[in-house]
Amino acid sequence: MRGKEERDVISSYVAVDLETTGLDPKRDKIIEIGAVRVTEDGAGDTFESFVNPYRSLEERVTSLTGISDGQLKTAEGIETVISRFLDFAGDLPILGHHIIFDYSFLKRAAVNK
């Protein structure tokens, strides 16, 4: 048994943040993935990619995210971007603000690729 002073510390992880077309991972789409790999030495490599949802964004999405249809027009689809993101993340834990939300979108994308 560990003493009170010993704790598991996560010293390496990937911090991720998504922009999406809405709140429902079954219906809505990822439109941007941003991530940074953090190690014991501090912040390291970054990953950033727009994702083409293959549909027009609602005005409220553009207003909230600052992302326009024009920025997504030439972006790759999620089937390509998710593979590159998973390669970037490797076997590191994924952390983030409201991670359950982001993870639900990432999991759906990974399963459906």
PDB file of N, CA and C in Angstrom:
ATOM      1  N   MET A   1       0.845  -1.185   0.000  1.00  0.00           N
ATOM      2  CA  MET A   1       0.000   0.000   0.000  1.00  0.00           C
ATOM      3  C   MET A   1       0.888   1.245   0.000  1.00  0.00           C
ATOM      4  N   ARG A   2       0.475   2.220  -0.702  1.00  0.00           N
ATOM      5  CA  ARG A   2       1.250   3.445  -0.788  1.00  0.00           C
ATOM      6  C   ARG A   2       0.973   4.346   0.402  1.00  0.00           C
ATOM      7  N   GLY A   3       1.984   5.095   0.778  1.00  0.00           N
ATOM      8  CA  GLY A   3       1.808   6.071   1.838  1.00  0.00           C
ATOM      9  C   GLY A   3       1.089   7.297   1.337  1.00  0.00           C
ATOM     10  N   LYS A   4       0.683   8.150   2.257  1.00  0.00           N
ATOM     11  CA  LYS A   4      -0.043   9.358   1.879  1.00  0.00           C
ATOM     12  C   LYS A   4       0.786  10.266   0.989  1.00  0.00           C
ATOM     13  N   GLU A   5       2.085  10.226   1.121  1.00  0.00           N
ATOM     14  CA  GLU A   5       2.959  11.102   0.351  1.00  0.00           C
ATOM     15  C   GLU A   5       3.156  10.626  -1.081  1.00  0.00           C
ATOM     16  N   GLU A   6       2.946   9.337  -1.342  1.00  0.00           N
ATOM     17  CA  GLU A   6       3.118   8.805  -2.692  1.00  0.00           C
ATOM     18  C   GLU A   6       1.824   8.945  -3.477  1.00  0.00           C
ATOM     19  N   ARG A   7       1.952   9.492  -4.679  1.00  0.00           N
ATOM     20  CA  ARG A   7       0.787   9.628  -5.553  1.00  0.00           C
ATOM     21  C   ARG A   7       1.203   9.320  -6.976  1.00  0.00           C
ATOM     22  N   ASP A   8       0.260   8.773  -7.737  1.00  0.00           N
ATOM     23  CA  ASP A   8       0.507   8.603  -9.165  1.00  0.00           C
ATOM     24  C   ASP A   8       0.445   9.976  -9.813  1.00  0.00           C
ATOM     25  N   VAL A   9       1.437  10.289 -10.594  1.00  0.00           N
ATOM     26  CA  VAL A   9       1.489  11.564 -11.274  1.00  0.00           C
ATOM     27  C   VAL A   9       1.584  11.305 -12.772  1.00  0.00           C
ATOM     28  N   ILE A  10       0.724  11.952 -13.501  1.00  0.00           N
ATOM     29  CA  ILE A  10       0.789  11.855 -14.955  1.00  0.00           C
ATOM     30  C   ILE A  10       1.722  12.951 -15.420  1.00  0.00           C
ATOM     31  N   SER A  11       2.878  12.561 -15.931  1.00  0.00           N
ATOM     32  CA  SER A  11       3.868  13.552 -16.344  1.00  0.00           C
ATOM     33  C   SER A  11       3.913  13.747 -17.853  1.00  0.00           C
ATOM     34  N   SER A  12       3.286  12.861 -18.595  1.00  0.00           N
ATOM     35  CA  SER A  12       3.216  12.990 -20.057  1.00  0.00           C
ATOM     36  C   SER A  12       1.786  12.716 -20.495  1.00  0.00           C
ATOM     37  N   TYR A  13       1.278  13.596 -21.356  1.00  0.00           N
ATOM     38  CA  TYR A  13      -0.101  13.463 -21.816  1.00  0.00           C
ATOM     39  C   TYR A  13      -0.295  14.320 -23.055  1.00  0.00           C
ATOM     40  N   VAL A  14      -1.464  14.177 -23.674  1.00  0.00           N
ATOM     41  CA  VAL A  14      -1.852  15.015 -24.803  1.00  0.00           C
ATOM     42  C   VAL A  14      -3.059  15.834 -24.347  1.00  0.00           C
ATOM     43  N   ALA A  15      -2.913  17.157 -24.403  1.00  0.00           N
ATOM     44  CA  ALA A  15      -4.034  18.058 -24.106  1.00  0.00           C
ATOM     45  C   ALA A  15      -4.737  18.347 -25.423  1.00  0.00           C
ATOM     46  N   VAL A  16      -6.046  18.132 -25.448  1.00  0.00           N
ATOM     47  CA  VAL A  16      -6.799  18.258 -26.700  1.00  0.00           C
ATOM     48  C   VAL A  16      -7.982  19.206 -26.530  1.00  0.00           C
ATOM     49  N   ASP A  17      -8.346  19.862 -27.623  1.00  0.00           N
ATOM     50  CA  ASP A  17      -9.543  20.692 -27.655  1.00  0.00           C
ATOM     51  C   ASP A  17     -10.159  20.580 -29.042  1.00  0.00           C
ATOM     52  N   LEU A  18     -11.458  20.424 -29.083  1.00  0.00           N
ATOM     53  CA  LEU A  18     -12.178  20.297 -30.354  1.00  0.00           C
ATOM     54  C   LEU A  18     -13.116  21.469 -30.558  1.00  0.00           C
ATOM     55  N   GLU A  19     -13.393  21.740 -31.819  1.00  0.00           N
ATOM     56  CA  GLU A  19     -14.526  22.577 -32.213  1.00  0.00           C
ATOM     57  C   GLU A  19     -15.439  21.661 -33.004  1.00  0.00           C
ATOM     58  N   THR A  20     -16.736  21.796 -32.770  1.00  0.00           N
ATOM     59  CA  THR A  20     -17.715  20.914 -33.407  1.00  0.00           C
ATOM     60  C   THR A  20     -18.887  21.728 -33.955  1.00  0.00           C
ATOM     61  N   THR A  21     -19.719  21.071 -34.740  1.00  0.00           N
ATOM     62  CA  THR A  21     -20.898  21.731 -35.298  1.00  0.00           C
ATOM     63  C   THR A  21     -22.062  21.759 -34.316  1.00  0.00           C
ATOM     64  N   GLY A  22     -21.927  21.079 -33.185  1.00  0.00           N
ATOM     65  CA  GLY A  22     -22.991  21.033 -32.189  1.00  0.00           C
ATOM     66  C   GLY A  22     -22.579  20.171 -31.013  1.00  0.00           C
ATOM     67  N   LEU A  23     -23.556  19.751 -30.240  1.00  0.00           N
ATOM     68  CA  LEU A  23     -23.293  19.055 -28.983  1.00  0.00           C
ATOM     69  C   LEU A  23     -23.512  17.548 -29.023  1.00  0.00           C
ATOM     70  N   ASP A  24     -24.041  17.022 -30.108  1.00  0.00           N
ATOM     71  CA  ASP A  24     -24.407  15.607 -30.189  1.00  0.00           C
ATOM     72  C   ASP A  24     -23.427  14.843 -31.085  1.00  0.00           C
ATOM     73  N   PRO A  25     -22.587  13.984 -30.493  1.00  0.00           N
ATOM     74  CA  PRO A  25     -21.598  13.267 -31.309  1.00  0.00           C
ATOM     75  C   PRO A  25     -22.213  12.309 -32.334  1.00  0.00           C
ATOM     76  N   LYS A  26     -23.459  11.944 -32.181  1.00  0.00           N
ATOM     77  CA  LYS A  26     -24.114  11.074 -33.157  1.00  0.00           C
ATOM     78  C   LYS A  26     -24.559  11.854 -34.392  1.00  0.00           C
ATOM     79  N   ARG A  27     -24.833  13.128 -34.231  1.00  0.00           N
ATOM     80  CA  ARG A  27     -25.383  13.934 -35.316  1.00  0.00           C
ATOM     81  C   ARG A  27     -24.420  15.017 -35.796  1.00  0.00           C
ATOM     82  N   ASP A  28     -23.650  15.577 -34.866  1.00  0.00           N
ATOM     83  CA  ASP A  28     -22.781  16.696 -35.196  1.00  0.00           C
ATOM     84  C   ASP A  28     -21.374  16.220 -35.545  1.00  0.00           C
ATOM     85  N   LYS A  29     -20.571  17.125 -36.080  1.00  0.00           N
ATOM     86  CA  LYS A  29     -19.261  16.774 -36.627  1.00  0.00           C
ATOM     87  C   LYS A  29     -18.151  17.604 -35.995  1.00  0.00           C
ATOM     88  N   ILE A  30     -16.963  17.026 -35.930  1.00  0.00           N
ATOM     89  CA  ILE A  30     -15.758  17.751 -35.535  1.00  0.00           C
ATOM     90  C   ILE A  30     -15.360  18.646 -36.707  1.00  0.00           C
ATOM     91  N   ILE A  31     -15.034  19.909 -36.403  1.00  0.00           N
ATOM     92  CA  ILE A  31     -14.551  20.798 -37.459  1.00  0.00           C
ATOM     93  C   ILE A  31     -13.115  21.278 -37.207  1.00  0.00           C
ATOM     94  N   GLU A  32     -12.598  21.039 -36.006  1.00  0.00           N
ATOM     95  CA  GLU A  32     -11.197  21.361 -35.734  1.00  0.00           C
ATOM     96  C   GLU A  32     -10.702  20.541 -34.556  1.00  0.00           C
ATOM     97  N   ILE A  33      -9.476  20.048 -34.686  1.00  0.00           N
ATOM     98  CA  ILE A  33      -8.798  19.361 -33.578  1.00  0.00           C
ATOM     99  C   ILE A  33      -7.509  20.119 -33.318  1.00  0.00           C
ATOM    100  N   GLY A  34      -7.316  20.497 -32.067  1.00  0.00           N
ATOM    101  CA  GLY A  34      -6.066  21.115 -31.639  1.00  0.00           C
ATOM    102  C   GLY A  34      -5.536  20.341 -30.451  1.00  0.00           C
ATOM    103  N   ALA A  35      -4.229  20.080 -30.427  1.00  0.00           N
ATOM    104  CA  ALA A  35      -3.659  19.299 -29.335  1.00  0.00           C
ATOM    105  C   ALA A  35      -2.195  19.667 -29.141  1.00  0.00           C
ATOM    106  N   VAL A  36      -1.709  19.433 -27.936  1.00  0.00           N
ATOM    107  CA  VAL A  36      -0.299  19.615 -27.631  1.00  0.00           C
ATOM    108  C   VAL A  36       0.165  18.424 -26.803  1.00  0.00           C
ATOM    109  N   ARG A  37       1.341  17.918 -27.125  1.00  0.00           N
ATOM    110  CA  ARG A  37       1.931  16.817 -26.364  1.00  0.00           C
ATOM    111  C   ARG A  37       2.748  17.442 -25.237  1.00  0.00           C
ATOM    112  N   VAL A  38       2.445  17.043 -24.007  1.00  0.00           N
ATOM    113  CA  VAL A  38       3.138  17.551 -22.829  1.00  0.00           C
ATOM    114  C   VAL A  38       3.927  16.412 -22.214  1.00  0.00           C
ATOM    115  N   THR A  39       5.221  16.677 -21.941  1.00  0.00           N
ATOM    116  CA  THR A  39       6.084  15.682 -21.304  1.00  0.00           C
ATOM    117  C   THR A  39       6.695  16.298 -20.062  1.00  0.00           C
ATOM    118  N   GLU A  40       7.539  15.556 -19.405  1.00  0.00           N
ATOM    119  CA  GLU A  40       8.216  16.060 -18.211  1.00  0.00           C
ATOM    120  C   GLU A  40       8.997  17.335 -18.506  1.00  0.00           C
ATOM    121  N   ASP A  41       9.425  17.511 -19.755  1.00  0.00           N
ATOM    122  CA  ASP A  41      10.182  18.696 -20.160  1.00  0.00           C
ATOM    123  C   ASP A  41       9.278  19.880 -20.485  1.00  0.00           C
ATOM    124  N   GLY A  42       7.980  19.702 -20.470  1.00  0.00           N
ATOM    125  CA  GLY A  42       7.041  20.777 -20.774  1.00  0.00           C
ATOM    126  C   GLY A  42       6.316  20.536 -22.076  1.00  0.00           C
ATOM    127  N   ALA A  43       5.695  21.589 -22.595  1.00  0.00           N
ATOM    128  CA  ALA A  43       4.936  21.490 -23.841  1.00  0.00           C
ATOM    129  C   ALA A  43       5.869  21.177 -24.992  1.00  0.00           C
ATOM    130  N   GLY A  44       5.380  20.342 -25.887  1.00  0.00           N
ATOM    131  CA  GLY A  44       6.201  19.921 -27.022  1.00  0.00           C
ATOM    132  C   GLY A  44       5.471  20.071 -28.337  1.00  0.00           C
ATOM    133  N   ASP A  45       5.421  18.994 -29.092  1.00  0.00           N
ATOM    134  CA  ASP A  45       4.816  19.008 -30.422  1.00  0.00           C
ATOM    135  C   ASP A  45       3.333  19.367 -30.344  1.00  0.00           C
ATOM    136  N   THR A  46       2.865  19.993 -31.415  1.00  0.00           N
ATOM    137  CA  THR A  46       1.455  20.359 -31.494  1.00  0.00           C
ATOM    138  C   THR A  46       0.806  19.700 -32.705  1.00  0.00           C
ATOM    139  N   PHE A  47      -0.506  19.589 -32.629  1.00  0.00           N
ATOM    140  CA  PHE A  47      -1.320  19.058 -33.717  1.00  0.00           C
ATOM    141  C   PHE A  47      -2.478  20.027 -33.900  1.00  0.00           C
ATOM    142  N   GLU A  48      -2.669  20.464 -35.127  1.00  0.00           N
ATOM    143  CA  GLU A  48      -3.811  21.327 -35.418  1.00  0.00           C
ATOM    144  C   GLU A  48      -4.315  21.022 -36.811  1.00  0.00           C
ATOM    145  N   SER A  49      -5.617  20.792 -36.910  1.00  0.00           N
ATOM    146  CA  SER A  49      -6.189  20.498 -38.221  1.00  0.00           C
ATOM    147  C   SER A  49      -7.653  20.889 -38.260  1.00  0.00           C
ATOM    148  N   PHE A  50      -8.027  21.616 -39.314  1.00  0.00           N
ATOM    149  CA  PHE A  50      -9.437  21.767 -39.608  1.00  0.00           C
ATOM    150  C   PHE A  50      -9.932  20.439 -40.148  1.00  0.00           C
ATOM    151  N   VAL A  51     -11.239  20.195 -40.034  1.00  0.00           N
ATOM    152  CA  VAL A  51     -11.859  18.962 -40.521  1.00  0.00           C
ATOM    153  C   VAL A  51     -13.084  19.353 -41.343  1.00  0.00           C
ATOM    154  N   ASN A  52     -13.133  18.870 -42.563  1.00  0.00           N
ATOM    155  CA  ASN A  52     -14.256  19.169 -43.437  1.00  0.00           C
ATOM    156  C   ASN A  52     -15.463  18.331 -43.009  1.00  0.00           C
ATOM    157  N   PRO A  53     -16.560  18.988 -42.577  1.00  0.00           N
ATOM    158  CA  PRO A  53     -17.756  18.233 -42.177  1.00  0.00           C
ATOM    159  C   PRO A  53     -18.651  17.867 -43.367  1.00  0.00           C
ATOM    160  N   TYR A  54     -18.257  18.306 -44.560  1.00  0.00           N
ATOM    161  CA  TYR A  54     -19.010  18.043 -45.791  1.00  0.00           C
ATOM    162  C   TYR A  54     -20.451  18.541 -45.714  1.00  0.00           C
ATOM    163  N   ARG A  55     -20.614  19.663 -45.037  1.00  0.00           N
ATOM    164  CA  ARG A  55     -21.893  20.375 -44.998  1.00  0.00           C
ATOM    165  C   ARG A  55     -21.611  21.804 -44.565  1.00  0.00           C
ATOM    166  N   SER A  56     -22.534  22.701 -44.868  1.00  0.00           N
ATOM    167  CA  SER A  56     -22.363  24.102 -44.495  1.00  0.00           C
ATOM    168  C   SER A  56     -22.549  24.275 -42.991  1.00  0.00           C
ATOM    169  N   LEU A  57     -21.780  25.197 -42.437  1.00  0.00           N
ATOM    170  CA  LEU A  57     -21.905  25.499 -41.015  1.00  0.00           C
ATOM    171  C   LEU A  57     -23.086  26.430 -40.783  1.00  0.00           C
ATOM    172  N   GLU A  58     -23.759  26.242 -39.676  1.00  0.00           N
ATOM    173  CA  GLU A  58     -24.804  27.171 -39.278  1.00  0.00           C
ATOM    174  C   GLU A  58     -24.138  28.466 -38.823  1.00  0.00           C
ATOM    175  N   GLU A  59     -24.843  29.567 -38.949  1.00  0.00           N
ATOM    176  CA  GLU A  59     -24.295  30.868 -38.571  1.00  0.00           C
ATOM    177  C   GLU A  59     -23.857  30.893 -37.104  1.00  0.00           C
ATOM    178  N   ARG A  60     -24.616  30.227 -36.250  1.00  0.00           N
ATOM    179  CA  ARG A  60     -24.278  30.217 -34.815  1.00  0.00           C
ATOM    180  C   ARG A  60     -22.949  29.505 -34.562  1.00  0.00           C
ATOM    181  N   VAL A  61     -22.638  28.477 -35.356  1.00  0.00           N
ATOM    182  CA  VAL A  61     -21.368  27.750 -35.206  1.00  0.00           C
ATOM    183  C   VAL A  61     -20.211  28.652 -35.616  1.00  0.00           C
ATOM    184  N   THR A  62     -20.363  29.343 -36.731  1.00  0.00           N
ATOM    185  CA  THR A  62     -19.330  30.272 -37.185  1.00  0.00           C
ATOM    186  C   THR A  62     -19.139  31.380 -36.159  1.00  0.00           C
ATOM    187  N   SER A  63     -20.225  31.879 -35.601  1.00  0.00           N
ATOM    188  CA  SER A  63     -20.151  32.935 -34.595  1.00  0.00           C
ATOM    189  C   SER A  63     -19.440  32.461 -33.329  1.00  0.00           C
ATOM    190  N   LEU A  64     -19.749  31.246 -32.887  1.00  0.00           N
ATOM    191  CA  LEU A  64     -19.136  30.690 -31.671  1.00  0.00           C
ATOM    192  C   LEU A  64     -17.663  30.320 -31.851  1.00  0.00           C
ATOM    193  N   THR A  65     -17.336  29.727 -32.988  1.00  0.00           N
ATOM    194  CA  THR A  65     -15.989  29.173 -33.175  1.00  0.00           C
ATOM    195  C   THR A  65     -15.058  30.092 -33.946  1.00  0.00           C
ATOM    196  N   GLY A  66     -15.626  31.007 -34.727  1.00  0.00           N
ATOM    197  CA  GLY A  66     -14.798  31.840 -35.595  1.00  0.00           C
ATOM    198  C   GLY A  66     -14.325  31.105 -36.840  1.00  0.00           C
ATOM    199  N   ILE A  67     -14.854  29.905 -37.069  1.00  0.00           N
ATOM    200  CA  ILE A  67     -14.469  29.080 -38.219  1.00  0.00           C
ATOM    201  C   ILE A  67     -15.534  29.242 -39.310  1.00  0.00           C
ATOM    202  N   SER A  68     -15.077  29.447 -40.530  1.00  0.00           N
ATOM    203  CA  SER A  68     -16.009  29.653 -41.645  1.00  0.00           C
ATOM    204  C   SER A  68     -15.990  28.456 -42.604  1.00  0.00           C
ATOM    205  N   ASP A  69     -17.016  28.377 -43.423  1.00  0.00           N
ATOM    206  CA  ASP A  69     -17.080  27.335 -44.455  1.00  0.00           C
ATOM    207  C   ASP A  69     -15.853  27.385 -45.360  1.00  0.00           C
ATOM    208  N   GLY A  70     -15.398  28.591 -45.677  1.00  0.00           N
ATOM    209  CA  GLY A  70     -14.231  28.753 -46.546  1.00  0.00           C
ATOM    210  C   GLY A  70     -12.976  28.107 -45.973  1.00  0.00           C
ATOM    211  N   GLN A  71     -12.817  28.156 -44.664  1.00  0.00           N
ATOM    212  CA  GLN A  71     -11.646  27.540 -44.028  1.00  0.00           C
ATOM    213  C   GLN A  71     -11.706  26.019 -44.078  1.00  0.00           C
ATOM    214  N   LEU A  72     -12.895  25.474 -44.157  1.00  0.00           N
ATOM    215  CA  LEU A  72     -13.068  24.015 -44.125  1.00  0.00           C
ATOM    216  C   LEU A  72     -13.162  23.392 -45.512  1.00  0.00           C
ATOM    217  N   LYS A  73     -13.390  24.214 -46.508  1.00  0.00           N
ATOM    218  CA  LYS A  73     -13.652  23.720 -47.862  1.00  0.00           C
ATOM    219  C   LYS A  73     -12.562  22.775 -48.376  1.00  0.00           C
ATOM    220  N   THR A  74     -11.304  23.104 -48.148  1.00  0.00           N
ATOM    221  CA  THR A  74     -10.202  22.269 -48.646  1.00  0.00           C
ATOM    222  C   THR A  74      -9.609  21.354 -47.575  1.00  0.00           C
ATOM    223  N   ALA A  75     -10.203  21.370 -46.382  1.00  0.00           N
ATOM    224  CA  ALA A  75      -9.699  20.516 -45.291  1.00  0.00           C
ATOM    225  C   ALA A  75     -10.014  19.045 -45.575  1.00  0.00           C
ATOM    226  N   GLU A  76      -9.200  18.174 -44.987  1.00  0.00           N
ATOM    227  CA  GLU A  76      -9.450  16.734 -45.102  1.00  0.00           C
ATOM    228  C   GLU A  76     -10.649  16.342 -44.249  1.00  0.00           C
ATOM    229  N   GLY A  77     -11.240  15.200 -44.561  1.00  0.00           N
ATOM    230  CA  GLY A  77     -12.346  14.668 -43.776  1.00  0.00           C
ATOM    231  C   GLY A  77     -11.846  14.001 -42.503  1.00  0.00           C
ATOM    232  N   ILE A  78     -12.771  13.710 -41.606  1.00  0.00           N
ATOM    233  CA  ILE A  78     -12.414  13.129 -40.313  1.00  0.00           C
ATOM    234  C   ILE A  78     -11.748  11.767 -40.461  1.00  0.00           C
ATOM    235  N   GLU A  79     -12.099  11.007 -41.492  1.00  0.00           N
ATOM    236  CA  GLU A  79     -11.502   9.676 -41.661  1.00  0.00           C
ATOM    237  C   GLU A  79      -9.992   9.760 -41.830  1.00  0.00           C
ATOM    238  N   THR A  80      -9.485  10.841 -42.380  1.00  0.00           N
ATOM    239  CA  THR A  80      -8.038  11.045 -42.533  1.00  0.00           C
ATOM    240  C   THR A  80      -7.446  11.727 -41.313  1.00  0.00           C
ATOM    241  N   VAL A  81      -8.124  12.758 -40.832  1.00  0.00           N
ATOM    242  CA  VAL A  81      -7.595  13.551 -39.715  1.00  0.00           C
ATOM    243  C   VAL A  81      -7.523  12.723 -38.438  1.00  0.00           C
ATOM    244  N   ILE A  82      -8.533  11.888 -38.173  1.00  0.00           N
ATOM    245  CA  ILE A  82      -8.532  11.114 -36.922  1.00  0.00           C
ATOM    246  C   ILE A  82      -7.351  10.153 -36.888  1.00  0.00           C
ATOM    247  N   SER A  83      -6.995   9.574 -38.009  1.00  0.00           N
ATOM    248  CA  SER A  83      -5.834   8.670 -38.032  1.00  0.00           C
ATOM    249  C   SER A  83      -4.547   9.428 -37.712  1.00  0.00           C
ATOM    250  N   ARG A  84      -4.399  10.616 -38.274  1.00  0.00           N
ATOM    251  CA  ARG A  84      -3.211  11.422 -37.982  1.00  0.00           C
ATOM    252  C   ARG A  84      -3.186  11.848 -36.521  1.00  0.00           C
ATOM    253  N   PHE A  85      -4.368  12.201 -35.960  1.00  0.00           N
ATOM    254  CA  PHE A  85      -4.423  12.585 -34.551  1.00  0.00           C
ATOM    255  C   PHE A  85      -4.066  11.409 -33.647  1.00  0.00           C
ATOM    256  N   LEU A  86      -4.599  10.234 -33.931  1.00  0.00           N
ATOM    257  CA  LEU A  86      -4.306   9.060 -33.108  1.00  0.00           C
ATOM    258  C   LEU A  86      -2.825   8.702 -33.171  1.00  0.00           C
ATOM    259  N   ASP A  87      -2.203   8.852 -34.333  1.00  0.00           N
ATOM    260  CA  ASP A  87      -0.755   8.648 -34.438  1.00  0.00           C
ATOM    261  C   ASP A  87      -0.008   9.660 -33.583  1.00  0.00           C
ATOM    262  N   PHE A  88      -0.451  10.916 -33.604  1.00  0.00           N
ATOM    263  CA  PHE A  88       0.162  11.975 -32.805  1.00  0.00           C
ATOM    264  C   PHE A  88       0.050  11.661 -31.311  1.00  0.00           C
ATOM    265  N   ALA A  89      -1.128  11.242 -30.871  1.00  0.00           N
ATOM    266  CA  ALA A  89      -1.365  10.981 -29.451  1.00  0.00           C
ATOM    267  C   ALA A  89      -0.645   9.720 -28.970  1.00  0.00           C
ATOM    268  N   GLY A  90      -0.486   8.745 -29.852  1.00  0.00           N
ATOM    269  CA  GLY A  90       0.171   7.510 -29.456  1.00  0.00           C
ATOM    270  C   GLY A  90      -0.561   6.851 -28.305  1.00  0.00           C
ATOM    271  N   ASP A  91       0.197   6.401 -27.318  1.00  0.00           N
ATOM    272  CA  ASP A  91      -0.429   5.740 -26.176  1.00  0.00           C
ATOM    273  C   ASP A  91      -0.499   6.641 -24.944  1.00  0.00           C
ATOM    274  N   LEU A  92      -0.322   7.945 -25.146  1.00  0.00           N
ATOM    275  CA  LEU A  92      -0.398   8.888 -24.033  1.00  0.00           C
ATOM    276  C   LEU A  92      -1.844   9.121 -23.610  1.00  0.00           C
ATOM    277  N   PRO A  93      -2.072   9.401 -22.337  1.00  0.00           N
ATOM    278  CA  PRO A  93      -3.425   9.765 -21.903  1.00  0.00           C
ATOM    279  C   PRO A  93      -3.851  11.067 -22.575  1.00  0.00           C
ATOM    280  N   ILE A  94      -5.141  11.192 -22.815  1.00  0.00           N
ATOM    281  CA  ILE A  94      -5.703  12.404 -23.417  1.00  0.00           C
ATOM    282  C   ILE A  94      -6.450  13.161 -22.324  1.00  0.00           C
ATOM    283  N   LEU A  95      -6.066  14.411 -22.144  1.00  0.00           N
ATOM    284  CA  LEU A  95      -6.687  15.260 -21.133  1.00  0.00           C
ATOM    285  C   LEU A  95      -7.228  16.514 -21.798  1.00  0.00           C
ATOM    286  N   GLY A  96      -8.163  17.177 -21.140  1.00  0.00           N
ATOM    287  CA  GLY A  96      -8.681  18.424 -21.680  1.00  0.00           C
ATOM    288  C   GLY A  96      -9.800  18.964 -20.823  1.00  0.00           C
ATOM    289  N   HIS A  97     -10.201  20.179 -21.161  1.00  0.00           N
ATOM    290  CA  HIS A  97     -11.334  20.821 -20.498  1.00  0.00           C
ATOM    291  C   HIS A  97     -12.605  20.212 -21.076  1.00  0.00           C
ATOM    292  N   HIS A  98     -13.500  19.718 -20.238  1.00  0.00           N
ATOM    293  CA  HIS A  98     -14.706  19.006 -20.692  1.00  0.00           C
ATOM    294  C   HIS A  98     -14.317  17.823 -21.574  1.00  0.00           C
ATOM    295  N   ILE A  99     -13.366  17.028 -21.108  1.00  0.00           N
ATOM    296  CA  ILE A  99     -12.804  15.938 -21.907  1.00  0.00           C
ATOM    297  C   ILE A  99     -13.841  14.882 -22.270  1.00  0.00           C
ATOM    298  N   ILE A 100     -14.835  14.670 -21.451  1.00  0.00           N
ATOM    299  CA  ILE A 100     -15.869  13.682 -21.785  1.00  0.00           C
ATOM    300  C   ILE A 100     -16.571  14.082 -23.082  1.00  0.00           C
ATOM    301  N   PHE A 101     -16.845  15.362 -23.257  1.00  0.00           N
ATOM    302  CA  PHE A 101     -17.454  15.864 -24.487  1.00  0.00           C
ATOM    303  C   PHE A 101     -16.529  15.596 -25.668  1.00  0.00           C
ATOM    304  N   ASP A 102     -15.288  16.059 -25.581  1.00  0.00           N
ATOM    305  CA  ASP A 102     -14.338  15.877 -26.684  1.00  0.00           C
ATOM    306  C   ASP A 102     -14.089  14.397 -26.955  1.00  0.00           C
ATOM    307  N   TYR A 103     -13.937  13.610 -25.901  1.00  0.00           N
ATOM    308  CA  TYR A 103     -13.669  12.184 -26.065  1.00  0.00           C
ATOM    309  C   TYR A 103     -14.826  11.484 -26.791  1.00  0.00           C
ATOM    310  N   SER A 104     -16.061  11.893 -26.505  1.00  0.00           N
ATOM    311  CA  SER A 104     -17.202  11.245 -27.168  1.00  0.00           C
ATOM    312  C   SER A 104     -17.144  11.467 -28.684  1.00  0.00           C
ATOM    313  N   PHE A 105     -16.723  12.641 -29.121  1.00  0.00           N
ATOM    314  CA  PHE A 105     -16.573  12.915 -30.554  1.00  0.00           C
ATOM    315  C   PHE A 105     -15.379  12.155 -31.135  1.00  0.00           C
ATOM    316  N   LEU A 106     -14.254  12.150 -30.415  1.00  0.00           N
ATOM    317  CA  LEU A 106     -13.064  11.442 -30.904  1.00  0.00           C
ATOM    318  C   LEU A 106     -13.321   9.944 -31.011  1.00  0.00           C
ATOM    319  N   LYS A 107     -13.980   9.393 -30.000  1.00  0.00           N
ATOM    320  CA  LYS A 107     -14.275   7.949 -30.014  1.00  0.00           C
ATOM    321  C   LYS A 107     -15.180   7.595 -31.185  1.00  0.00           C
ATOM    322  N   ARG A 108     -16.203   8.384 -31.397  1.00  0.00           N
ATOM    323  CA  ARG A 108     -17.136   8.108 -32.511  1.00  0.00           C
ATOM    324  C   ARG A 108     -16.387   8.193 -33.848  1.00  0.00           C
ATOM    325  N   ALA A 109     -15.529   9.189 -33.988  1.00  0.00           N
ATOM    326  CA  ALA A 109     -14.765   9.336 -35.233  1.00  0.00           C
ATOM    327  C   ALA A 109     -13.821   8.152 -35.443  1.00  0.00           C
ATOM    328  N   ALA A 110     -13.149   7.721 -34.366  1.00  0.00           N
ATOM    329  CA  ALA A 110     -12.202   6.619 -34.470  1.00  0.00           C
ATOM    330  C   ALA A 110     -12.912   5.303 -34.802  1.00  0.00           C
ATOM    331  N   VAL A 111     -14.052   5.072 -34.183  1.00  0.00           N
ATOM    332  CA  VAL A 111     -14.796   3.838 -34.415  1.00  0.00           C
ATOM    333  C   VAL A 111     -15.374   3.805 -35.829  1.00  0.00           C
ATOM    334  N   ASN A 112     -15.771   4.946 -36.343  1.00  0.00           N
ATOM    335  CA  ASN A 112     -16.442   5.010 -37.646  1.00  0.00           C
ATOM    336  C   ASN A 112     -15.492   5.275 -38.811  1.00  0.00           C
ATOM    337  N   LYS A 113     -14.186   5.339 -38.572  1.00  0.00           N
ATOM    338  CA  LYS A 113     -13.260   5.671 -39.675  1.00  0.00           C
ATOM    339  C   LYS A 113     -13.129   4.572 -40.692  1.00  0.00           C
TER     340      LYS A 113
END
